[in-house]
């Protein structure tokens, strides 16, 4: 018996004017390349997620969402089939602001997070017949350009080689430790030369480049936590020096850690302590 086609190929675009909602576990590690005529708002929980579009692979950190414009081929790769995806698919108009036609990853502030949680009660198409739900769904779309002022300028490719994938998982679980390349090669049975070549061939990055981005992406998640200072976050991602952490963060992200914290406010009366 032929299994039914997945919802993102058959249901999302069935009705042109609806907002389509889907909250579910992935059920698989990889969703193959596909497109749809609606734009996609993607928020995930419970694991690491990469989204690949032509020429670029995005890493979707916790407390961030990805916006995927219509017509862009993309595939989704998760660390576990248990990852929960919260998808909202929106129809666009030609005169919509330019924001909606550019792929990007943005922080989720407290307002947007509560709106996402509220949308969990929807499934399938939401239209005018759903009354206030339809208004609320479209309010989510309308508010995004106002609260999404910072497009995260980082992409992190996923490993295709299983051996390298295991190494990267180990790195991700030990970012607070002083990871060194010789120790890593020895632990996984590689020569340093062979492992260096594998990083370059599979990922297009060196070990230190990949590790630094991993650390900064974890820092991004922690900075939106409202309970952890920049000093504590620096230690949690493997930096003994707060100035070194702050400088590295700025070079990669283009903004200081304390300023990234403020992105979570976005006009809301939400405050937290951040010492640099």
Protein backbone atom coordinates (compact mmCIF):
# COMPACT_ATOMS: atom_id res chain seq x y z
CA UNK A 1 0.00 0.00 0.00
CA UNK A 2 1.39 3.41 -0.96
CA UNK A 3 1.61 5.71 2.08
CA UNK A 4 -0.27 9.02 1.85
CA UNK A 5 1.69 12.06 0.72
CA UNK A 6 2.87 14.25 3.62
CA UNK A 7 0.76 17.27 4.56
CA UNK A 8 3.33 19.79 3.34
CA UNK A 9 2.90 18.46 -0.20
CA UNK A 10 -0.88 18.13 -0.27
CA UNK A 11 -2.61 20.20 2.42
CA UNK A 12 -0.70 23.45 2.89
CA UNK A 13 -1.67 24.96 -0.46
CA UNK A 14 -5.08 23.30 -0.89
CA UNK A 15 -6.88 26.57 -0.12
CA UNK A 16 -5.06 29.70 -1.24
CA UNK A 17 -6.51 32.15 1.31
CA UNK A 18 -6.24 30.16 4.56
CA UNK A 19 -3.59 30.11 7.24
CA UNK A 20 -2.55 26.46 7.56
CA UNK A 21 -1.45 25.26 11.01
CA UNK A 22 0.42 22.09 11.91
CA UNK A 23 1.90 21.22 15.30
CA UNK A 24 3.41 17.74 15.42
CA UNK A 25 6.47 15.59 16.01
CA UNK A 26 8.61 15.25 12.92
CA UNK A 27 8.34 11.47 12.99
CA UNK A 28 11.47 11.29 10.85
CA UNK A 29 14.90 12.87 10.92
CA UNK A 30 14.73 14.38 7.45
CA UNK A 31 12.03 16.12 5.45
CA UNK A 32 13.15 16.10 1.80
CA UNK A 33 13.35 19.23 -0.38
CA UNK A 34 9.95 20.69 -1.22
CA UNK A 35 8.21 23.99 -1.90
CA UNK A 36 4.83 25.53 -1.21
CA UNK A 37 3.03 28.65 -2.37
CA UNK A 38 2.52 29.94 1.17
CA UNK A 39 5.22 31.36 3.40
CA UNK A 40 6.24 29.21 6.37
CA UNK A 41 6.77 30.22 9.99
CA UNK A 42 8.74 27.41 11.68
CA UNK A 43 9.35 27.09 15.42
CA UNK A 44 10.80 23.89 16.89
CA UNK A 45 11.20 22.28 20.29
CA UNK A 46 13.13 19.31 21.62
CA UNK A 47 16.26 19.04 19.48
CA UNK A 48 18.67 20.44 16.94
CA UNK A 49 17.23 21.45 13.57
CA UNK A 50 18.90 22.48 10.30
CA UNK A 51 17.00 23.94 7.36
CA UNK A 52 18.72 23.78 3.98
CA UNK A 53 17.84 26.08 1.09
CA UNK A 54 19.80 26.36 -2.18
CA UNK A 55 23.31 27.51 -1.34
CA UNK A 56 22.85 27.79 2.44
CA UNK A 57 22.07 25.73 5.52
CA UNK A 58 20.48 27.45 8.52
CA UNK A 59 20.72 26.28 12.12
CA UNK A 60 17.54 26.95 14.09
CA UNK A 61 18.37 27.57 17.78
CA UNK A 62 15.89 27.28 20.61
CA UNK A 63 13.76 30.41 21.23
CA UNK A 64 14.17 31.44 17.57
CA UNK A 65 11.95 30.97 14.54
CA UNK A 66 12.67 30.65 10.84
CA UNK A 67 10.72 32.45 8.13
CA UNK A 68 10.72 30.70 4.74
CA UNK A 69 9.23 32.71 1.85
CA UNK A 70 6.95 31.02 -0.70
CA UNK A 71 8.50 29.12 -3.58
CA UNK A 72 11.88 28.46 -1.92
CA UNK A 73 12.92 24.80 -1.98
CA UNK A 74 13.95 23.70 1.50
CA UNK A 75 14.66 20.52 3.44
CA UNK A 76 14.55 20.04 7.22
CA UNK A 77 17.03 17.90 9.15
CA UNK A 78 16.52 17.19 12.85
CA UNK A 79 18.61 15.48 15.51
CA UNK A 80 15.63 13.32 16.47
CA UNK A 81 12.24 12.33 15.05
CA UNK A 82 10.85 13.47 18.43
CA UNK A 83 11.50 17.13 17.57
CA UNK A 84 8.23 19.06 17.66
CA UNK A 85 7.58 21.42 14.76
CA UNK A 86 5.13 24.29 15.12
CA UNK A 87 4.31 25.40 11.57
CA UNK A 88 2.14 28.28 10.42
CA UNK A 89 1.77 28.78 6.67
CA UNK A 90 0.62 32.22 5.53
CA UNK A 91 -0.63 33.44 2.15
CA UNK A 92 1.23 36.55 0.94
CA UNK A 93 0.17 39.49 -1.18
CA UNK A 94 2.38 41.20 -3.77
CA UNK A 95 2.33 44.43 -1.79
CA UNK A 96 3.36 42.81 1.50
CA UNK A 97 6.54 44.32 3.04
CA UNK A 98 9.92 43.04 1.82
CA UNK A 99 10.43 41.29 5.19
CA UNK A 100 8.12 38.45 4.10
CA UNK A 101 10.15 37.66 0.98
CA UNK A 102 13.51 36.99 2.65
CA UNK A 103 14.49 33.80 4.48
CA UNK A 104 15.85 34.39 7.95
CA UNK A 105 16.10 33.33 11.59
CA UNK A 106 14.92 35.67 14.33
CA UNK A 107 14.68 35.66 18.13
CA UNK A 108 11.31 34.90 19.69
CA UNK A 109 10.35 37.41 22.37
CA UNK A 110 7.89 36.72 25.16
CA UNK A 111 4.93 38.14 23.24
CA UNK A 112 5.53 35.98 20.17
CA UNK A 113 6.23 32.91 22.31
CA UNK A 114 2.82 33.22 23.98
CA UNK A 115 1.16 33.66 20.58
CA UNK A 116 2.87 30.48 19.33
CA UNK A 117 1.67 28.54 22.37
CA UNK A 118 -1.87 29.85 21.85
CA UNK A 119 -1.82 28.66 18.23
CA UNK A 120 -1.29 25.09 19.46
CA UNK A 121 -5.07 24.70 19.67
CA UNK A 122 -5.36 25.00 15.87
CA UNK A 123 -4.94 22.24 13.32
CA UNK A 124 -5.33 22.50 9.58
CA UNK A 125 -6.86 25.45 7.75
CA UNK A 126 -7.92 28.61 9.59
CA UNK A 127 -10.06 31.06 7.61
CA UNK A 128 -12.78 33.68 8.00
CA UNK A 129 -15.25 31.05 9.19
CA UNK A 130 -13.09 30.57 12.29
CA UNK A 131 -13.81 34.12 13.45
CA UNK A 132 -11.40 35.40 16.10
CA UNK A 133 -8.97 32.56 15.49
CA UNK A 134 -8.48 33.78 11.94
CA UNK A 135 -7.87 37.32 13.18
CA UNK A 136 -5.37 36.08 15.74
CA UNK A 137 -3.51 33.93 13.18
CA UNK A 138 -3.15 36.88 10.84
CA UNK A 139 -2.07 39.06 13.77
CA UNK A 140 0.91 36.74 14.22
CA UNK A 141 1.95 37.42 10.64
CA UNK A 142 1.32 41.15 10.96
CA UNK A 143 3.43 41.57 14.09
CA UNK A 144 6.53 39.78 12.78
CA UNK A 145 8.19 42.72 10.96
CA UNK A 146 7.68 44.88 14.08
CA UNK A 147 9.30 42.49 16.55
CA UNK A 148 11.84 40.77 14.25
CA UNK A 149 14.42 43.49 13.85
CA UNK A 150 17.47 41.21 13.81
CA UNK A 151 18.03 38.53 11.17
CA UNK A 152 20.55 36.10 12.65
CA UNK A 153 23.59 36.15 10.31
CA UNK A 154 24.75 32.60 11.00
CA UNK A 155 24.44 29.40 9.04
CA UNK A 156 25.78 26.06 10.23
CA UNK A 157 25.83 23.05 7.89
CA UNK A 158 24.82 19.62 9.10
CA UNK A 159 27.22 16.69 8.79
CA UNK A 160 26.44 14.11 6.13
CA UNK A 161 29.14 11.67 7.32
CA UNK A 162 27.87 9.62 10.29
CA UNK A 163 31.31 9.61 11.91
CA UNK A 164 31.45 13.38 11.84
CA UNK A 165 27.87 13.65 13.02
CA UNK A 166 28.81 11.67 16.14
CA UNK A 167 31.78 13.97 16.74
CA UNK A 168 29.64 17.09 16.37
CA UNK A 169 27.07 15.68 18.80
CA UNK A 170 29.86 15.11 21.32
CA UNK A 171 31.10 18.67 20.81
CA UNK A 172 27.59 20.06 21.26
CA UNK A 173 27.15 18.19 24.54
CA UNK A 174 30.47 19.41 25.94
CA UNK A 175 30.70 23.05 24.86
CA UNK A 176 31.57 24.18 28.38
CA UNK A 177 34.71 22.02 28.32
CA UNK A 178 38.11 23.05 26.87
CA UNK A 179 37.70 20.97 23.70
CA UNK A 180 40.90 20.54 21.71
CA UNK A 181 41.35 19.13 18.24
CA UNK A 182 44.10 16.58 19.16
CA UNK A 183 41.98 15.19 22.02
CA UNK A 184 38.92 14.96 19.79
CA UNK A 185 40.79 13.16 17.01
CA UNK A 186 42.25 10.69 19.50
CA UNK A 187 38.90 10.05 21.21
CA UNK A 188 37.24 9.12 17.90
CA UNK A 189 40.15 7.22 16.38
CA UNK A 190 41.26 9.72 13.73
CA UNK A 191 44.60 11.20 12.89
CA UNK A 192 44.50 14.97 13.13
CA UNK A 193 45.14 15.25 9.40
CA UNK A 194 42.28 12.88 8.50
CA UNK A 195 39.81 14.57 10.81
CA UNK A 196 40.80 18.02 9.55
CA UNK A 197 40.20 16.85 5.98
CA UNK A 198 36.80 15.41 6.96
CA UNK A 199 35.68 18.71 8.49
CA UNK A 200 36.70 20.61 5.38
CA UNK A 201 35.23 18.17 2.88
CA UNK A 202 31.93 17.56 4.65
CA UNK A 203 31.24 20.94 6.23
CA UNK A 204 33.44 23.46 4.44
CA UNK A 205 34.63 24.66 7.86
CA UNK A 206 37.59 23.96 10.10
CA UNK A 207 37.15 22.39 13.53
CA UNK A 208 37.71 25.70 15.32
CA UNK A 209 35.30 27.56 13.01
CA UNK A 210 32.58 24.97 13.60
CA UNK A 211 33.19 24.86 17.37
CA UNK A 212 33.08 28.64 17.66
CA UNK A 213 29.76 28.85 15.82
CA UNK A 214 28.36 26.02 17.95
CA UNK A 215 29.29 27.95 21.08
CA UNK A 216 27.79 31.20 19.82
CA UNK A 217 24.54 29.48 18.84
CA UNK A 218 24.19 28.02 22.33
CA UNK A 219 24.94 31.46 23.74
CA UNK A 220 22.10 32.88 21.63
CA UNK A 221 19.67 30.45 23.25
CA UNK A 222 20.89 31.21 26.75
CA UNK A 223 20.79 34.97 26.24
CA UNK A 224 17.02 34.79 25.72
CA UNK A 225 16.57 32.84 28.93
CA UNK A 226 16.05 35.87 31.26
CA UNK A 227 17.75 34.08 34.19
CA UNK A 228 21.41 33.77 33.22
CA UNK A 229 23.96 36.61 33.18
CA UNK A 230 26.40 37.13 30.33
CA UNK A 231 29.22 36.14 32.69
CA UNK A 232 27.54 32.80 33.44
CA UNK A 233 26.76 32.22 29.77
CA UNK A 234 30.39 32.80 28.80
CA UNK A 235 31.43 30.00 31.18
CA UNK A 236 28.64 27.68 29.97
CA UNK A 237 29.90 27.94 26.38
CA UNK A 238 33.56 27.41 27.21
CA UNK A 239 35.00 30.90 27.77
CA UNK A 240 36.94 31.85 30.90
CA UNK A 241 37.15 35.48 29.78
CA UNK A 242 33.95 37.51 29.39
CA UNK A 243 35.64 40.14 27.16
CA UNK A 244 36.92 37.37 24.84
CA UNK A 245 33.44 35.83 24.69
CA UNK A 246 31.83 39.21 24.04
CA UNK A 247 34.32 40.08 21.28
CA UNK A 248 33.90 36.68 19.59
CA UNK A 249 30.12 36.99 19.79
CA UNK A 250 30.27 40.46 18.24
CA UNK A 251 32.52 39.32 15.38
CA UNK A 252 30.17 36.48 14.43
CA UNK A 253 26.75 37.91 15.29
CA UNK A 254 27.42 41.60 14.66
CA UNK A 255 25.96 42.71 17.99
CA UNK A 256 27.12 42.60 21.62
CA UNK A 257 25.63 39.93 23.93
CA UNK A 258 24.00 42.54 26.18
CA UNK A 259 22.37 44.15 23.12
CA UNK A 260 21.06 40.79 21.92
CA UNK A 261 19.35 40.42 25.28
CA UNK A 262 17.43 43.62 24.57
CA UNK A 263 15.99 42.07 21.41
CA UNK A 264 13.84 39.97 23.70
CA UNK A 265 12.21 43.12 25.05
CA UNK A 266 11.13 44.70 21.76
CA UNK A 267 9.07 47.31 23.51
CA UNK A 268 7.77 44.95 26.19
CA UNK A 269 8.44 45.64 29.85
CA UNK A 270 10.75 42.65 30.22
CA UNK A 271 14.10 43.16 31.94
CA UNK A 272 17.04 41.05 32.95
CA UNK A 273 20.55 41.41 34.26
CA UNK A 274 23.50 41.12 31.86
CA UNK A 275 27.03 41.91 33.00
CA UNK A 276 29.94 42.09 30.59
